Amino acid sequence: MKKIVVINGHPNKESFNSAIAHSYIASALAAGAEVRYIAIGELDFNPNLKYGYRQRMELEPDLEKSLEDIQWSEHQVWIHPLWWLGMPAIMKGFFDRAFLPGITFKSNEGGISEGLLKGRTARIITTAGDLSIKTYGEVYQSSGLVQLQKGILEYCGVSSVRSDFIGPLYELNEKDRKEWILQIKRLAALDSMRENT
C-alpha cells in the first residue's frame, strides 16, 4: 500500500487548492493508497524562525505531527498557489520552522549537506491566478518551482519530483476547473501505483 502525504499550502480552506487536495486524496484512497493530509493554514505554529539556526525553537505539536506524517510517507504531494512568484508566507514559514538541520538534512564533514528524506518521491501542483506556464517558465524561470523542488525537496533528499502547473486561473470557467479536477484524480491514481524510483 503506497503511503502518500498531501500538503496544502493555501491558507484558505475554501480555495481551489483545497478542492485539488481533496480530489487527489479521494482518488488515491480509491486506488488503494494510504493517505495523510496536512493543511498548513490550519496548523497552530509560529512561522517565524526568529533565532535562525543559532537557537532551536521548540516545535509545536502540529509541526511535530506534520513531520511525522512527512517522514512516514513514501510520496509527497505539495499543492500551493503562486503568490509573488513563490509560495504563500505560511508555507514558507512551515519550511523555515520544520525543515531543520538534523530533521530533514544534515551537514557532514567539510560542510557537505545530506538530505534525510531519501527514498521519497514528490509531486508539486502549482496554481497561478494570472500567469501562464509559458510566461512562468520563459520570463520568470519557474522561480517558485526551483525554490521548492531544488532548494528544498531535492536538497532534503526527495527524488523524482514531478510538477504540474494550473493557470491562469482567472481564465478558467467551471467546465475548465472540473476538467482539471479530473486530471488531478488521474494523477493521483498513477502516483498510487507508481514505484518509488
N, C-alpha and C. Protein backbone atom coordinates (compact mmCIF):
# COMPACT_ATOMS: atom_id res chain seq x y z
N MET A 1 0.85 -1.19 0.00
CA MET A 1 0.00 0.00 0.00
C MET A 1 0.88 1.24 0.00
N LYS A 2 0.71 2.11 -0.99
CA LYS A 2 1.53 3.32 -1.11
C LYS A 2 1.14 4.31 0.00
N LYS A 3 2.16 4.89 0.63
CA LYS A 3 1.93 5.87 1.69
C LYS A 3 2.15 7.27 1.12
N ILE A 4 1.07 8.04 1.08
CA ILE A 4 1.11 9.37 0.46
C ILE A 4 0.70 10.43 1.47
N VAL A 5 1.46 11.52 1.54
CA VAL A 5 1.06 12.67 2.33
C VAL A 5 0.77 13.82 1.38
N VAL A 6 -0.39 14.42 1.54
CA VAL A 6 -0.81 15.56 0.72
C VAL A 6 -0.71 16.81 1.58
N ILE A 7 0.06 17.79 1.12
CA ILE A 7 0.28 19.02 1.88
C ILE A 7 -0.28 20.20 1.10
N ASN A 8 -1.26 20.87 1.69
CA ASN A 8 -1.90 22.02 1.05
C ASN A 8 -1.33 23.31 1.66
N GLY A 9 -0.66 24.11 0.82
CA GLY A 9 -0.04 25.32 1.30
C GLY A 9 -0.89 26.56 1.22
N HIS A 10 -2.13 26.44 0.71
CA HIS A 10 -3.01 27.61 0.63
C HIS A 10 -3.66 27.87 1.99
N PRO A 11 -3.60 29.10 2.50
CA PRO A 11 -4.15 29.37 3.82
C PRO A 11 -5.68 29.34 3.89
N ASN A 12 -6.37 29.40 2.75
CA ASN A 12 -7.83 29.42 2.74
C ASN A 12 -8.38 28.04 2.41
N LYS A 13 -9.09 27.44 3.36
CA LYS A 13 -9.61 26.09 3.15
C LYS A 13 -10.74 26.03 2.13
N GLU A 14 -11.23 27.19 1.68
CA GLU A 14 -12.27 27.23 0.65
C GLU A 14 -11.67 27.43 -0.75
N SER A 15 -10.37 27.38 -0.88
CA SER A 15 -9.69 27.68 -2.14
C SER A 15 -9.78 26.52 -3.14
N PHE A 16 -9.45 26.82 -4.39
CA PHE A 16 -9.35 25.79 -5.42
C PHE A 16 -8.25 24.80 -5.07
N ASN A 17 -7.21 25.27 -4.40
CA ASN A 17 -6.14 24.38 -3.95
C ASN A 17 -6.68 23.30 -3.01
N SER A 18 -7.62 23.68 -2.15
CA SER A 18 -8.23 22.69 -1.25
C SER A 18 -9.06 21.68 -2.02
N ALA A 19 -9.76 22.15 -3.05
CA ALA A 19 -10.53 21.23 -3.90
C ALA A 19 -9.60 20.25 -4.60
N ILE A 20 -8.45 20.75 -5.06
CA ILE A 20 -7.45 19.89 -5.68
C ILE A 20 -6.97 18.84 -4.68
N ALA A 21 -6.64 19.29 -3.47
CA ALA A 21 -6.13 18.38 -2.44
C ALA A 21 -7.14 17.27 -2.13
N HIS A 22 -8.38 17.64 -1.91
CA HIS A 22 -9.39 16.64 -1.53
C HIS A 22 -9.72 15.70 -2.69
N SER A 23 -9.66 16.21 -3.92
CA SER A 23 -9.88 15.35 -5.09
C SER A 23 -8.75 14.34 -5.23
N TYR A 24 -7.51 14.83 -5.03
CA TYR A 24 -6.35 13.94 -5.09
C TYR A 24 -6.49 12.84 -4.03
N ILE A 25 -6.82 13.25 -2.81
CA ILE A 25 -6.93 12.29 -1.70
C ILE A 25 -7.98 11.22 -2.00
N ALA A 26 -9.15 11.64 -2.47
CA ALA A 26 -10.24 10.69 -2.75
C ALA A 26 -9.82 9.68 -3.81
N SER A 27 -9.13 10.15 -4.84
CA SER A 27 -8.70 9.26 -5.91
C SER A 27 -7.60 8.31 -5.44
N ALA A 28 -6.66 8.82 -4.66
CA ALA A 28 -5.57 7.99 -4.15
C ALA A 28 -6.11 6.89 -3.23
N LEU A 29 -7.06 7.25 -2.38
CA LEU A 29 -7.67 6.27 -1.49
C LEU A 29 -8.40 5.19 -2.30
N ALA A 30 -9.11 5.63 -3.35
CA ALA A 30 -9.83 4.68 -4.20
C ALA A 30 -8.89 3.74 -4.92
N ALA A 31 -7.66 4.21 -5.18
CA ALA A 31 -6.66 3.40 -5.86
C ALA A 31 -5.90 2.49 -4.90
N GLY A 32 -6.23 2.56 -3.61
CA GLY A 32 -5.62 1.66 -2.63
C GLY A 32 -4.49 2.24 -1.82
N ALA A 33 -4.21 3.54 -1.98
CA ALA A 33 -3.13 4.16 -1.21
C ALA A 33 -3.60 4.49 0.21
N GLU A 34 -2.63 4.63 1.09
CA GLU A 34 -2.90 5.14 2.43
C GLU A 34 -2.49 6.61 2.41
N VAL A 35 -3.37 7.51 2.86
CA VAL A 35 -3.13 8.94 2.68
C VAL A 35 -3.28 9.69 4.00
N ARG A 36 -2.35 10.62 4.23
CA ARG A 36 -2.47 11.58 5.33
C ARG A 36 -2.49 12.98 4.74
N TYR A 37 -3.14 13.91 5.44
CA TYR A 37 -3.35 15.26 4.90
C TYR A 37 -2.84 16.31 5.88
N ILE A 38 -2.11 17.28 5.35
CA ILE A 38 -1.64 18.41 6.14
C ILE A 38 -2.14 19.69 5.47
N ALA A 39 -2.99 20.42 6.15
CA ALA A 39 -3.44 21.74 5.67
C ALA A 39 -2.66 22.77 6.47
N ILE A 40 -1.62 23.32 5.85
CA ILE A 40 -0.70 24.19 6.59
C ILE A 40 -1.42 25.38 7.22
N GLY A 41 -2.39 25.93 6.52
CA GLY A 41 -3.11 27.10 7.03
C GLY A 41 -3.92 26.83 8.28
N GLU A 42 -4.17 25.56 8.58
CA GLU A 42 -4.95 25.20 9.76
C GLU A 42 -4.08 24.76 10.93
N LEU A 43 -2.76 24.74 10.72
CA LEU A 43 -1.86 24.35 11.80
C LEU A 43 -1.64 25.50 12.78
N ASP A 44 -1.39 25.16 14.03
CA ASP A 44 -1.12 26.16 15.06
C ASP A 44 0.39 26.19 15.34
N PHE A 45 1.08 27.18 14.74
CA PHE A 45 2.52 27.31 14.96
C PHE A 45 2.96 28.73 14.62
N ASN A 46 4.12 29.11 15.16
CA ASN A 46 4.72 30.39 14.84
C ASN A 46 5.59 30.21 13.60
N PRO A 47 5.25 30.87 12.47
CA PRO A 47 6.02 30.66 11.24
C PRO A 47 7.36 31.39 11.21
N ASN A 48 7.64 32.18 12.23
CA ASN A 48 8.86 32.99 12.25
C ASN A 48 10.00 32.25 12.94
N LEU A 49 11.04 31.92 12.19
CA LEU A 49 12.23 31.29 12.75
C LEU A 49 13.09 32.41 13.34
N LYS A 50 12.70 32.88 14.51
CA LYS A 50 13.22 34.16 14.99
C LYS A 50 14.68 34.13 15.43
N TYR A 51 15.26 32.96 15.67
CA TYR A 51 16.67 32.89 16.05
C TYR A 51 17.55 32.35 14.94
N GLY A 52 16.97 32.10 13.76
CA GLY A 52 17.73 31.42 12.73
C GLY A 52 18.12 30.05 13.24
N TYR A 53 19.35 29.61 12.95
CA TYR A 53 19.81 28.32 13.43
C TYR A 53 20.68 28.44 14.69
N ARG A 54 20.77 29.64 15.24
CA ARG A 54 21.62 29.83 16.42
C ARG A 54 20.99 29.23 17.67
N GLN A 55 19.66 29.24 17.73
CA GLN A 55 18.96 28.71 18.90
C GLN A 55 17.73 27.96 18.42
N ARG A 56 17.57 26.74 18.86
CA ARG A 56 16.46 25.91 18.42
C ARG A 56 15.16 26.30 19.13
N MET A 57 14.14 26.59 18.35
CA MET A 57 12.81 26.84 18.91
C MET A 57 12.11 25.50 19.09
N GLU A 58 11.39 25.36 20.17
CA GLU A 58 10.66 24.12 20.41
C GLU A 58 9.56 23.96 19.37
N LEU A 59 9.46 22.78 18.78
CA LEU A 59 8.45 22.53 17.77
C LEU A 59 7.07 22.39 18.41
N GLU A 60 6.10 23.10 17.86
CA GLU A 60 4.72 22.96 18.32
C GLU A 60 4.20 21.58 17.95
N PRO A 61 3.19 21.06 18.67
CA PRO A 61 2.65 19.72 18.39
C PRO A 61 2.21 19.55 16.93
N ASP A 62 1.63 20.59 16.32
CA ASP A 62 1.19 20.47 14.93
C ASP A 62 2.37 20.27 13.98
N LEU A 63 3.50 20.92 14.28
CA LEU A 63 4.69 20.73 13.45
C LEU A 63 5.28 19.33 13.66
N GLU A 64 5.29 18.87 14.89
CA GLU A 64 5.79 17.53 15.18
C GLU A 64 4.96 16.47 14.43
N LYS A 65 3.64 16.63 14.46
CA LYS A 65 2.75 15.68 13.77
C LYS A 65 2.96 15.76 12.26
N SER A 66 3.14 16.96 11.73
CA SER A 66 3.36 17.11 10.29
C SER A 66 4.66 16.44 9.86
N LEU A 67 5.71 16.63 10.65
CA LEU A 67 6.98 15.98 10.33
C LEU A 67 6.86 14.46 10.41
N GLU A 68 6.11 13.98 11.37
CA GLU A 68 5.88 12.54 11.49
C GLU A 68 5.20 12.02 10.22
N ASP A 69 4.21 12.77 9.71
CA ASP A 69 3.50 12.36 8.50
C ASP A 69 4.41 12.40 7.28
N ILE A 70 5.25 13.41 7.18
CA ILE A 70 6.18 13.53 6.06
C ILE A 70 7.21 12.40 6.09
N GLN A 71 7.72 12.09 7.27
CA GLN A 71 8.71 11.03 7.39
C GLN A 71 8.08 9.65 7.18
N TRP A 72 6.81 9.52 7.51
CA TRP A 72 6.07 8.27 7.29
C TRP A 72 5.85 8.00 5.80
N SER A 73 5.72 9.06 5.03
CA SER A 73 5.31 8.95 3.63
C SER A 73 6.39 8.35 2.73
N GLU A 74 5.91 7.79 1.61
CA GLU A 74 6.78 7.38 0.51
C GLU A 74 6.69 8.40 -0.63
N HIS A 75 5.57 9.10 -0.69
CA HIS A 75 5.33 10.08 -1.76
C HIS A 75 4.66 11.31 -1.15
N GLN A 76 5.18 12.49 -1.54
CA GLN A 76 4.64 13.75 -1.03
C GLN A 76 3.98 14.52 -2.18
N VAL A 77 2.85 15.14 -1.89
CA VAL A 77 2.17 15.98 -2.87
C VAL A 77 2.04 17.37 -2.27
N TRP A 78 2.75 18.33 -2.86
CA TRP A 78 2.75 19.71 -2.37
C TRP A 78 1.88 20.56 -3.29
N ILE A 79 0.84 21.15 -2.75
CA ILE A 79 -0.11 21.95 -3.53
C ILE A 79 -0.07 23.38 -2.99
N HIS A 80 0.14 24.34 -3.89
CA HIS A 80 0.18 25.73 -3.42
C HIS A 80 -0.09 26.72 -4.54
N PRO A 81 -0.60 27.90 -4.19
CA PRO A 81 -0.76 28.96 -5.18
C PRO A 81 0.56 29.69 -5.37
N LEU A 82 0.70 30.32 -6.50
CA LEU A 82 1.89 31.12 -6.77
C LEU A 82 1.57 32.56 -6.42
N TRP A 83 2.17 33.06 -5.36
CA TRP A 83 1.98 34.45 -4.93
C TRP A 83 3.32 35.15 -4.98
N TRP A 84 3.41 36.24 -5.73
CA TRP A 84 4.67 36.95 -5.89
C TRP A 84 5.79 36.00 -6.31
N LEU A 85 5.44 35.10 -7.24
CA LEU A 85 6.39 34.13 -7.83
C LEU A 85 6.92 33.12 -6.83
N GLY A 86 6.25 32.96 -5.71
CA GLY A 86 6.67 31.97 -4.73
C GLY A 86 5.48 31.43 -3.95
N MET A 87 5.77 30.69 -2.92
CA MET A 87 4.74 30.09 -2.09
C MET A 87 4.18 31.11 -1.09
N PRO A 88 2.98 30.89 -0.55
CA PRO A 88 2.44 31.77 0.49
C PRO A 88 3.35 31.82 1.72
N ALA A 89 3.28 32.91 2.46
CA ALA A 89 4.15 33.12 3.62
C ALA A 89 4.01 32.00 4.65
N ILE A 90 2.79 31.52 4.87
CA ILE A 90 2.59 30.49 5.89
C ILE A 90 3.28 29.19 5.49
N MET A 91 3.33 28.91 4.19
CA MET A 91 4.01 27.71 3.71
C MET A 91 5.52 27.85 3.85
N LYS A 92 6.03 29.02 3.51
CA LYS A 92 7.47 29.28 3.69
C LYS A 92 7.83 29.17 5.17
N GLY A 93 6.97 29.70 6.04
CA GLY A 93 7.21 29.60 7.48
C GLY A 93 7.21 28.16 7.97
N PHE A 94 6.38 27.33 7.34
CA PHE A 94 6.34 25.91 7.67
C PHE A 94 7.71 25.27 7.40
N PHE A 95 8.26 25.56 6.24
CA PHE A 95 9.59 25.03 5.90
C PHE A 95 10.66 25.58 6.85
N ASP A 96 10.60 26.89 7.10
CA ASP A 96 11.59 27.51 7.99
C ASP A 96 11.60 26.85 9.36
N ARG A 97 10.42 26.58 9.89
CA ARG A 97 10.32 26.05 11.25
C ARG A 97 10.51 24.54 11.34
N ALA A 98 10.03 23.79 10.32
CA ALA A 98 10.01 22.33 10.43
C ALA A 98 11.17 21.63 9.73
N PHE A 99 11.63 22.18 8.62
CA PHE A 99 12.70 21.52 7.86
C PHE A 99 14.05 22.00 8.38
N LEU A 100 14.46 21.42 9.49
CA LEU A 100 15.62 21.89 10.24
C LEU A 100 16.80 20.93 10.13
N PRO A 101 18.01 21.44 10.41
CA PRO A 101 19.18 20.55 10.47
C PRO A 101 18.95 19.43 11.47
N GLY A 102 19.30 18.23 11.07
CA GLY A 102 19.11 17.08 11.94
C GLY A 102 17.75 16.44 11.81
N ILE A 103 16.83 17.12 11.10
CA ILE A 103 15.48 16.59 10.90
C ILE A 103 15.26 16.22 9.44
N THR A 104 15.51 17.16 8.52
CA THR A 104 15.32 16.87 7.10
C THR A 104 16.64 16.92 6.32
N PHE A 105 17.69 17.43 6.93
CA PHE A 105 19.01 17.42 6.31
C PHE A 105 20.06 17.53 7.41
N LYS A 106 21.30 17.23 7.04
CA LYS A 106 22.40 17.39 7.99
C LYS A 106 23.65 17.78 7.22
N SER A 107 24.57 18.42 7.90
CA SER A 107 25.86 18.79 7.29
C SER A 107 26.92 17.81 7.76
N ASN A 108 27.58 17.19 6.80
CA ASN A 108 28.65 16.24 7.11
C ASN A 108 29.99 16.98 7.19
N GLU A 109 31.04 16.23 7.38
CA GLU A 109 32.37 16.83 7.45
C GLU A 109 32.66 17.59 6.15
N GLY A 110 33.27 18.74 6.29
CA GLY A 110 33.56 19.56 5.12
C GLY A 110 32.40 20.42 4.69
N GLY A 111 31.33 20.43 5.50
CA GLY A 111 30.19 21.28 5.19
C GLY A 111 29.29 20.77 4.08
N ILE A 112 29.44 19.50 3.68
CA ILE A 112 28.61 18.92 2.62
C ILE A 112 27.29 18.48 3.22
N SER A 113 26.19 18.95 2.64
CA SER A 113 24.87 18.62 3.17
C SER A 113 24.37 17.28 2.64
N GLU A 114 23.61 16.61 3.47
CA GLU A 114 23.00 15.33 3.10
C GLU A 114 21.52 15.38 3.44
N GLY A 115 20.67 15.07 2.47
CA GLY A 115 19.23 15.04 2.72
C GLY A 115 18.83 13.84 3.53
N LEU A 116 17.90 14.02 4.45
CA LEU A 116 17.45 12.93 5.32
C LEU A 116 16.08 12.39 4.92
N LEU A 117 15.55 12.87 3.77
CA LEU A 117 14.26 12.37 3.28
C LEU A 117 14.45 11.50 2.05
N LYS A 118 15.56 10.79 1.99
CA LYS A 118 15.85 9.93 0.85
C LYS A 118 14.83 8.81 0.75
N GLY A 119 14.65 8.31 -0.48
CA GLY A 119 13.72 7.21 -0.70
C GLY A 119 12.30 7.66 -0.92
N ARG A 120 12.08 8.97 -0.94
CA ARG A 120 10.73 9.51 -1.15
C ARG A 120 10.67 10.25 -2.48
N THR A 121 9.49 10.22 -3.08
CA THR A 121 9.25 10.96 -4.30
C THR A 121 8.25 12.08 -4.00
N ALA A 122 8.04 12.95 -4.98
CA ALA A 122 7.11 14.06 -4.75
C ALA A 122 6.46 14.53 -6.04
N ARG A 123 5.35 15.19 -5.87
CA ARG A 123 4.67 15.91 -6.94
C ARG A 123 4.36 17.30 -6.42
N ILE A 124 4.61 18.31 -7.24
CA ILE A 124 4.28 19.69 -6.90
C ILE A 124 3.18 20.15 -7.84
N ILE A 125 2.08 20.62 -7.27
CA ILE A 125 0.97 21.16 -8.07
C ILE A 125 0.85 22.65 -7.74
N THR A 126 1.14 23.48 -8.73
CA THR A 126 1.14 24.93 -8.54
C THR A 126 -0.02 25.56 -9.30
N THR A 127 -0.74 26.46 -8.64
CA THR A 127 -1.79 27.23 -9.33
C THR A 127 -1.35 28.69 -9.41
N ALA A 128 -1.75 29.34 -10.48
CA ALA A 128 -1.40 30.75 -10.68
C ALA A 128 -2.62 31.52 -11.16
N GLY A 129 -2.86 32.67 -10.55
CA GLY A 129 -4.03 33.47 -10.89
C GLY A 129 -3.95 34.10 -12.26
N ASP A 130 -2.79 34.68 -12.60
CA ASP A 130 -2.71 35.43 -13.84
C ASP A 130 -1.49 35.10 -14.69
N LEU A 131 -0.84 33.99 -14.44
CA LEU A 131 0.33 33.59 -15.22
C LEU A 131 0.05 32.33 -16.00
N SER A 132 0.56 32.27 -17.23
CA SER A 132 0.54 31.03 -18.00
C SER A 132 1.84 30.29 -17.70
N ILE A 133 1.85 29.00 -18.01
CA ILE A 133 3.07 28.23 -17.79
C ILE A 133 4.20 28.73 -18.68
N LYS A 134 3.86 29.23 -19.88
CA LYS A 134 4.88 29.75 -20.78
C LYS A 134 5.55 30.99 -20.19
N THR A 135 4.75 31.93 -19.69
CA THR A 135 5.31 33.14 -19.08
C THR A 135 6.10 32.80 -17.83
N TYR A 136 5.56 31.89 -17.03
CA TYR A 136 6.24 31.47 -15.79
C TYR A 136 7.63 30.91 -16.11
N GLY A 137 7.71 30.09 -17.14
CA GLY A 137 8.98 29.47 -17.48
C GLY A 137 9.93 30.40 -18.22
N GLU A 138 9.41 31.10 -19.22
CA GLU A 138 10.29 31.90 -20.08
C GLU A 138 10.69 33.23 -19.44
N VAL A 139 9.76 33.89 -18.78
CA VAL A 139 10.03 35.21 -18.22
C VAL A 139 10.58 35.10 -16.79
N TYR A 140 9.98 34.23 -15.99
CA TYR A 140 10.34 34.15 -14.57
C TYR A 140 11.15 32.91 -14.21
N GLN A 141 11.54 32.12 -15.21
CA GLN A 141 12.42 30.97 -14.99
C GLN A 141 11.87 29.98 -13.96
N SER A 142 10.54 29.90 -13.87
CA SER A 142 9.88 28.97 -12.93
C SER A 142 10.47 29.09 -11.53
N SER A 143 10.63 30.33 -11.08
CA SER A 143 11.37 30.62 -9.84
C SER A 143 10.80 29.92 -8.61
N GLY A 144 9.48 29.92 -8.46
CA GLY A 144 8.88 29.27 -7.29
C GLY A 144 9.09 27.77 -7.31
N LEU A 145 9.03 27.17 -8.51
CA LEU A 145 9.26 25.73 -8.64
C LEU A 145 10.70 25.39 -8.30
N VAL A 146 11.63 26.22 -8.77
CA VAL A 146 13.05 25.99 -8.47
C VAL A 146 13.28 26.02 -6.96
N GLN A 147 12.67 26.99 -6.29
CA GLN A 147 12.83 27.09 -4.83
C GLN A 147 12.35 25.83 -4.13
N LEU A 148 11.14 25.38 -4.48
CA LEU A 148 10.56 24.23 -3.78
C LEU A 148 11.21 22.91 -4.20
N GLN A 149 11.36 22.72 -5.51
CA GLN A 149 11.91 21.45 -5.99
C GLN A 149 13.39 21.29 -5.68
N LYS A 150 14.18 22.27 -6.14
CA LYS A 150 15.63 22.16 -5.99
C LYS A 150 16.12 22.60 -4.61
N GLY A 151 15.63 23.78 -4.18
CA GLY A 151 16.16 24.37 -2.95
C GLY A 151 15.68 23.73 -1.67
N ILE A 152 14.55 23.02 -1.75
CA ILE A 152 14.02 22.41 -0.52
C ILE A 152 13.93 20.89 -0.64
N LEU A 153 13.07 20.39 -1.54
CA LEU A 153 12.80 18.95 -1.57
C LEU A 153 14.04 18.14 -1.97
N GLU A 154 14.64 18.47 -3.11
CA GLU A 154 15.80 17.69 -3.54
C GLU A 154 16.98 17.89 -2.59
N TYR A 155 17.12 19.08 -2.05
CA TYR A 155 18.17 19.34 -1.07
C TYR A 155 18.01 18.42 0.14
N CYS A 156 16.75 18.11 0.48
CA CYS A 156 16.48 17.26 1.64
C CYS A 156 16.40 15.78 1.26
N GLY A 157 16.76 15.45 0.00
CA GLY A 157 16.88 14.04 -0.38
C GLY A 157 15.72 13.47 -1.17
N VAL A 158 14.64 14.25 -1.36
CA VAL A 158 13.50 13.76 -2.13
C VAL A 158 13.90 13.69 -3.61
N SER A 159 13.51 12.62 -4.29
CA SER A 159 13.89 12.45 -5.69
C SER A 159 12.65 12.27 -6.57
N SER A 160 12.89 12.22 -7.87
CA SER A 160 11.80 12.04 -8.84
C SER A 160 10.65 13.00 -8.58
N VAL A 161 10.97 14.29 -8.53
CA VAL A 161 9.95 15.30 -8.26
C VAL A 161 9.27 15.70 -9.57
N ARG A 162 8.00 15.43 -9.66
CA ARG A 162 7.21 15.81 -10.83
C ARG A 162 6.45 17.10 -10.51
N SER A 163 6.12 17.87 -11.55
CA SER A 163 5.41 19.13 -11.29
C SER A 163 4.29 19.34 -12.31
N ASP A 164 3.24 19.99 -11.84
CA ASP A 164 2.09 20.34 -12.67
C ASP A 164 1.73 21.79 -12.38
N PHE A 165 1.34 22.51 -13.43
CA PHE A 165 1.04 23.94 -13.33
C PHE A 165 -0.37 24.18 -13.85
N ILE A 166 -1.19 24.86 -13.06
CA ILE A 166 -2.56 25.19 -13.46
C ILE A 166 -2.72 26.70 -13.48
N GLY A 167 -2.91 27.27 -14.65
CA GLY A 167 -3.08 28.71 -14.73
C GLY A 167 -3.08 29.20 -16.17
N PRO A 168 -3.52 30.43 -16.36
CA PRO A 168 -4.02 31.37 -15.34
C PRO A 168 -5.44 31.01 -14.90
N LEU A 169 -5.66 31.00 -13.59
CA LEU A 169 -6.95 30.61 -13.03
C LEU A 169 -8.08 31.54 -13.46
N TYR A 170 -7.77 32.83 -13.63
CA TYR A 170 -8.84 33.78 -13.95
C TYR A 170 -9.47 33.49 -15.32
N GLU A 171 -8.78 32.71 -16.15
CA GLU A 171 -9.32 32.36 -17.47
C GLU A 171 -10.13 31.07 -17.44
N LEU A 172 -10.09 30.35 -16.33
CA LEU A 172 -10.78 29.06 -16.25
C LEU A 172 -12.26 29.24 -15.89
N ASN A 173 -13.12 28.62 -16.67
CA ASN A 173 -14.54 28.60 -16.31
C ASN A 173 -14.83 27.33 -15.50
N GLU A 174 -16.07 27.13 -15.13
CA GLU A 174 -16.42 26.00 -14.28
C GLU A 174 -16.09 24.67 -14.96
N LYS A 175 -16.32 24.60 -16.27
CA LYS A 175 -16.01 23.38 -17.02
C LYS A 175 -14.50 23.11 -17.00
N ASP A 176 -13.70 24.16 -17.17
CA ASP A 176 -12.24 24.01 -17.14
C ASP A 176 -11.77 23.47 -15.79
N ARG A 177 -12.35 24.03 -14.73
CA ARG A 177 -11.95 23.60 -13.38
C ARG A 177 -12.30 22.14 -13.14
N LYS A 178 -13.47 21.73 -13.62
CA LYS A 178 -13.86 20.33 -13.47
C LYS A 178 -12.93 19.40 -14.24
N GLU A 179 -12.49 19.86 -15.41
CA GLU A 179 -11.56 19.05 -16.20
C GLU A 179 -10.21 18.93 -15.49
N TRP A 180 -9.78 20.01 -14.84
CA TRP A 180 -8.53 19.94 -14.08
C TRP A 180 -8.67 18.99 -12.90
N ILE A 181 -9.84 19.02 -12.24
CA ILE A 181 -10.06 18.11 -11.12
C ILE A 181 -9.99 16.65 -11.58
N LEU A 182 -10.54 16.37 -12.75
CA LEU A 182 -10.46 15.02 -13.31
C LEU A 182 -9.01 14.64 -13.60
N GLN A 183 -8.25 15.61 -14.11
CA GLN A 183 -6.84 15.36 -14.37
C GLN A 183 -6.08 15.07 -13.07
N ILE A 184 -6.40 15.82 -12.02
CA ILE A 184 -5.78 15.59 -10.71
C ILE A 184 -6.09 14.19 -10.22
N LYS A 185 -7.33 13.75 -10.40
CA LYS A 185 -7.71 12.41 -9.98
C LYS A 185 -6.93 11.34 -10.73
N ARG A 186 -6.71 11.58 -12.02
CA ARG A 186 -5.92 10.62 -12.80
C ARG A 186 -4.47 10.58 -12.31
N LEU A 187 -3.90 11.76 -12.01
CA LEU A 187 -2.53 11.81 -11.49
C LEU A 187 -2.43 11.07 -10.16
N ALA A 188 -3.43 11.23 -9.31
CA ALA A 188 -3.43 10.56 -8.01
C ALA A 188 -3.44 9.04 -8.18
N ALA A 189 -4.25 8.56 -9.12
CA ALA A 189 -4.31 7.12 -9.36
C ALA A 189 -2.96 6.61 -9.87
N LEU A 190 -2.31 7.37 -10.75
CA LEU A 190 -0.99 6.98 -11.25
C LEU A 190 0.05 6.98 -10.13
N ASP A 191 0.05 8.05 -9.33
CA ASP A 191 1.01 8.12 -8.21
C ASP A 191 0.84 6.97 -7.24
N SER A 192 -0.39 6.54 -7.04
CA SER A 192 -0.68 5.48 -6.08
C SER A 192 -0.12 4.14 -6.53
N MET A 193 0.06 3.98 -7.84
CA MET A 193 0.55 2.70 -8.38
C MET A 193 2.03 2.75 -8.75
N ARG A 194 2.60 3.96 -8.88
CA ARG A 194 3.96 4.11 -9.36
C ARG A 194 4.97 3.70 -8.28
N GLU A 195 5.99 2.98 -8.71
CA GLU A 195 7.05 2.59 -7.78
C GLU A 195 7.92 3.80 -7.46
N ASN A 196 8.43 3.87 -6.24
CA ASN A 196 9.37 4.94 -5.88
C ASN A 196 10.71 4.66 -6.53
N THR A 197 11.18 5.63 -7.34
CA THR A 197 12.48 5.47 -8.01
C THR A 197 13.32 6.71 -7.79
